[in-house]
N, C-alpha and C. Protein backbone atom coordinates (compact mmCIF):
# COMPACT_ATOMS: atom_id res chain seq x y z
N UNK A 1 -46.61 35.20 -22.08
CA UNK A 1 -45.56 34.64 -22.02
C UNK A 1 -45.84 33.52 -20.90
N UNK A 2 -46.91 33.37 -19.81
CA UNK A 2 -46.59 31.98 -19.14
C UNK A 2 -46.33 30.88 -20.23
N UNK A 3 -47.43 30.72 -20.99
CA UNK A 3 -47.73 30.14 -21.84
C UNK A 3 -46.83 29.20 -22.29
N UNK A 4 -46.01 30.44 -22.81
CA UNK A 4 -44.52 29.84 -23.71
C UNK A 4 -43.54 29.34 -21.97
N UNK A 5 -43.46 30.22 -21.65
CA UNK A 5 -42.63 29.40 -20.41
C UNK A 5 -42.70 27.19 -20.28
N UNK A 6 -44.29 27.66 -20.19
CA UNK A 6 -44.91 26.28 -19.37
C UNK A 6 -44.81 25.86 -20.67
N UNK A 7 -44.68 25.94 -22.10
CA UNK A 7 -45.10 25.15 -22.62
C UNK A 7 -43.08 24.87 -23.56
N UNK A 8 -41.88 24.99 -22.52
CA UNK A 8 -40.94 25.16 -22.74
C UNK A 8 -40.50 24.20 -21.63
N UNK A 9 -41.05 24.85 -20.35
CA UNK A 9 -41.06 23.16 -19.10
C UNK A 9 -41.64 22.16 -19.84
N UNK A 10 -42.64 22.26 -20.18
CA UNK A 10 -43.29 21.01 -20.43
C UNK A 10 -42.35 20.17 -21.37
N UNK A 11 -41.28 20.65 -22.37
CA UNK A 11 -40.72 19.96 -23.45
C UNK A 11 -39.25 19.97 -22.72
N UNK A 12 -38.78 20.46 -21.68
CA UNK A 12 -37.16 20.91 -21.25
C UNK A 12 -36.84 18.96 -20.53
N UNK A 13 -38.86 19.10 -19.58
CA UNK A 13 -38.64 18.59 -18.56
C UNK A 13 -39.98 17.47 -18.25
N UNK A 14 -40.19 17.23 -19.82
CA UNK A 14 -41.43 16.27 -20.40
C UNK A 14 -42.05 16.32 -19.04
N UNK A 15 -42.86 17.20 -18.60
CA UNK A 15 -43.88 17.33 -17.54
C UNK A 15 -45.37 17.69 -18.52
N UNK A 16 -46.06 17.21 -17.60
CA UNK A 16 -47.55 17.29 -18.42
C UNK A 16 -48.65 18.29 -16.67
N UNK A 17 -50.14 18.41 -16.87
CA UNK A 17 -50.65 18.53 -16.49
C UNK A 17 -50.44 19.65 -15.71
N UNK A 18 -51.09 20.12 -14.82
CA UNK A 18 -50.24 21.57 -14.55
C UNK A 18 -49.54 22.27 -14.02
N UNK A 19 -48.69 22.72 -15.02
CA UNK A 19 -47.56 23.06 -14.79
C UNK A 19 -47.51 24.16 -13.90
N UNK A 20 -48.16 25.56 -14.70
CA UNK A 20 -48.45 26.54 -13.91
C UNK A 20 -48.54 26.95 -12.35
N UNK A 21 -49.64 26.33 -12.36
CA UNK A 21 -49.65 25.67 -10.85
C UNK A 21 -48.74 25.07 -8.98
N UNK A 22 -47.09 24.36 -10.42
CA UNK A 22 -46.59 23.80 -9.20
C UNK A 22 -45.65 24.37 -8.68
N UNK A 23 -45.44 25.46 -7.53
CA UNK A 23 -45.23 26.48 -7.06
C UNK A 23 -43.65 25.89 -7.13
N UNK A 24 -43.16 24.06 -6.85
CA UNK A 24 -41.15 24.77 -6.15
C UNK A 24 -41.29 23.67 -7.55
N UNK A 25 -40.44 23.93 -8.87
CA UNK A 25 -40.18 22.99 -9.14
C UNK A 25 -39.03 22.37 -9.60
N UNK A 26 -37.57 23.48 -9.22
CA UNK A 26 -36.41 22.59 -9.01
C UNK A 26 -36.48 21.63 -6.78
N UNK A 27 -36.51 22.86 -6.10
CA UNK A 27 -36.38 21.85 -4.45
C UNK A 27 -37.85 21.39 -4.55
N UNK A 28 -38.57 20.77 -5.43
CA UNK A 28 -39.79 19.76 -5.22
C UNK A 28 -39.36 18.37 -6.35
N UNK A 29 -38.40 18.95 -6.98
CA UNK A 29 -37.88 18.06 -7.79
C UNK A 29 -38.43 17.70 -8.55
N UNK A 30 -39.33 18.18 -9.45
CA UNK A 30 -39.82 18.29 -10.61
C UNK A 30 -38.43 18.48 -12.06
N UNK A 31 -37.79 19.36 -11.57
CA UNK A 31 -36.43 19.31 -12.51
C UNK A 31 -34.84 19.42 -11.47
N UNK A 32 -34.78 18.19 -12.06
CA UNK A 32 -33.02 18.05 -11.57
C UNK A 32 -32.06 18.75 -12.71
N UNK A 33 -30.66 19.14 -11.36
CA UNK A 33 -29.64 19.27 -12.22
C UNK A 33 -29.41 19.37 -13.79
N UNK A 34 -29.90 19.12 -14.49
CA UNK A 34 -29.62 18.28 -16.01
C UNK A 34 -30.80 19.21 -17.02
N UNK A 35 -31.91 19.04 -15.78
CA UNK A 35 -33.16 19.52 -16.84
C UNK A 35 -32.77 21.02 -16.61
N UNK A 36 -32.60 21.16 -14.96
CA UNK A 36 -32.41 23.13 -15.27
C UNK A 36 -31.75 24.02 -16.07
N UNK A 37 -30.77 23.30 -16.17
CA UNK A 37 -29.29 23.67 -17.32
C UNK A 37 -30.37 23.60 -19.01
N UNK A 38 -31.06 22.94 -19.07
CA UNK A 38 -31.77 23.03 -20.34
C UNK A 38 -32.73 24.34 -20.45
N UNK A 39 -33.07 24.60 -18.71
CA UNK A 39 -34.11 24.84 -18.97
C UNK A 39 -33.57 26.62 -19.44
N UNK A 40 -32.69 27.08 -18.43
CA UNK A 40 -32.30 27.87 -18.78
C UNK A 40 -31.57 27.74 -20.30
N UNK A 41 -30.81 26.95 -21.17
CA UNK A 41 -30.62 27.67 -22.72
C UNK A 41 -32.04 27.68 -22.84
N UNK A 42 -32.66 27.18 -22.79
CA UNK A 42 -33.91 27.73 -23.85
C UNK A 42 -35.04 28.77 -23.33
N UNK A 43 -34.75 28.78 -21.95
CA UNK A 43 -35.55 30.41 -21.93
C UNK A 43 -34.46 31.34 -22.74
N UNK A 44 -33.22 31.31 -22.09
CA UNK A 44 -32.46 32.62 -22.72
C UNK A 44 -32.64 32.22 -24.45
N UNK A 45 -32.25 31.44 -24.88
CA UNK A 45 -32.50 31.21 -26.01
C UNK A 45 -34.35 32.41 -27.02
N UNK A 46 -35.09 31.65 -26.25
CA UNK A 46 -36.63 31.31 -26.44
C UNK A 46 -36.93 33.61 -26.10
N UNK A 47 -36.37 34.33 -25.72
CA UNK A 47 -36.62 35.58 -25.00
C UNK A 47 -35.10 36.23 -25.72
N UNK A 48 -34.27 35.15 -26.24
CA UNK A 48 -33.17 36.54 -26.75
C UNK A 48 -32.55 37.14 -24.86
N UNK A 49 -32.03 36.92 -24.26
CA UNK A 49 -31.93 37.32 -23.34
C UNK A 49 -30.97 36.13 -22.11
N UNK A 50 -29.96 36.85 -21.14
CA UNK A 50 -28.62 36.32 -20.66
C UNK A 50 -28.37 36.26 -19.31
N UNK A 51 -28.75 35.09 -18.13
CA UNK A 51 -28.97 35.18 -16.91
C UNK A 51 -27.86 35.09 -16.65
N UNK A 52 -27.37 35.70 -15.38
CA UNK A 52 -26.72 35.46 -14.39
C UNK A 52 -26.63 34.56 -13.76
N UNK A 53 -25.28 33.54 -13.66
CA UNK A 53 -25.32 32.14 -12.17
C UNK A 53 -25.88 32.74 -10.78
N UNK A 54 -25.88 33.99 -10.95
CA UNK A 54 -25.66 34.94 -8.99
C UNK A 54 -27.35 34.86 -9.30
N UNK A 55 -27.03 36.17 -8.24
CA UNK A 55 -28.61 36.87 -8.04
C UNK A 55 -29.20 35.86 -7.91
N UNK A 56 -29.63 35.05 -7.31
CA UNK A 56 -30.77 33.58 -6.75
C UNK A 56 -31.39 32.84 -8.24
N UNK A 57 -30.30 32.79 -8.97
CA UNK A 57 -31.39 32.50 -10.22
C UNK A 57 -32.28 31.03 -9.91
N UNK A 58 -30.92 30.31 -9.28
CA UNK A 58 -31.78 28.50 -9.42
C UNK A 58 -33.69 29.19 -7.97
N UNK A 59 -33.43 29.90 -7.58
CA UNK A 59 -34.58 30.30 -6.57
C UNK A 59 -35.70 30.31 -7.71
N UNK A 60 -35.28 31.62 -8.08
CA UNK A 60 -35.96 32.46 -9.43
C UNK A 60 -36.78 31.07 -10.04
N UNK A 61 -35.85 30.14 -10.77
CA UNK A 61 -36.97 29.35 -11.80
C UNK A 61 -37.70 28.44 -11.18
N UNK A 62 -37.35 28.67 -9.94
CA UNK A 62 -38.60 27.52 -9.21
C UNK A 62 -40.27 27.36 -9.52
N UNK A 63 -40.47 28.60 -9.96
CA UNK A 63 -42.06 28.76 -10.32
C UNK A 63 -42.41 29.19 -11.64
N UNK A 64 -43.30 29.10 -12.68
CA UNK A 64 -43.71 29.98 -13.44
C UNK A 64 -43.49 31.31 -13.03
N UNK A 65 -44.03 31.50 -12.65
CA UNK A 65 -44.45 33.22 -11.74
C UNK A 65 -42.95 34.21 -11.69
N UNK A 66 -42.00 32.56 -10.28
CA UNK A 66 -40.79 33.20 -10.86
C UNK A 66 -39.77 33.59 -12.02
N UNK A 67 -40.30 32.42 -12.86
CA UNK A 67 -39.34 32.89 -14.13
C UNK A 67 -40.03 33.94 -14.98
N UNK A 68 -41.54 34.48 -14.32
CA UNK A 68 -42.30 35.75 -15.85
C UNK A 68 -40.94 35.98 -15.16
N UNK A 69 -41.58 36.85 -13.72
CA UNK A 69 -40.65 38.12 -13.08
C UNK A 69 -39.05 38.47 -13.34
N UNK A 70 -38.66 36.97 -13.65
CA UNK A 70 -37.04 37.14 -13.99
C UNK A 70 -36.83 37.52 -15.57
N UNK A 71 -37.73 37.05 -16.33
CA UNK A 71 -37.70 37.35 -18.03
C UNK A 71 -38.11 38.08 -17.74
N UNK A 72 -39.54 39.34 -17.65
CA UNK A 72 -39.29 40.57 -17.31
C UNK A 72 -38.33 41.71 -16.79
N UNK A 73 -37.34 41.45 -15.38
CA UNK A 73 -36.06 41.96 -15.42
C UNK A 73 -35.59 42.05 -16.41
N UNK A 74 -35.02 41.07 -17.18
CA UNK A 74 -33.69 41.04 -18.18
C UNK A 74 -34.38 41.78 -19.39
N UNK A 75 -35.96 42.33 -19.61
CA UNK A 75 -36.42 42.28 -20.90
C UNK A 75 -36.03 44.41 -21.26
N UNK A 76 -36.79 44.71 -19.63
CA UNK A 76 -36.57 45.73 -19.21
C UNK A 76 -35.03 46.32 -18.90
N UNK A 77 -34.12 45.49 -18.69
CA UNK A 77 -32.63 46.36 -18.85
C UNK A 77 -32.94 47.15 -20.20
């Protein structure tokens, strides 16, 4: 799952390198507001889930590990 998340981030944000180990994708401004919305849409489409815009969504999109946990939580519902 992490490889798929990294691929999506790379495509959406045009990032290269060790995306897996970037601890602060949004707060360090690797992703701006537009690319964050694109990331949300791409993740929802890829994994067949729907995120709620509450529940600290942006905070949970700040690293690959947090994104993976967020997706797993939605898939478990």
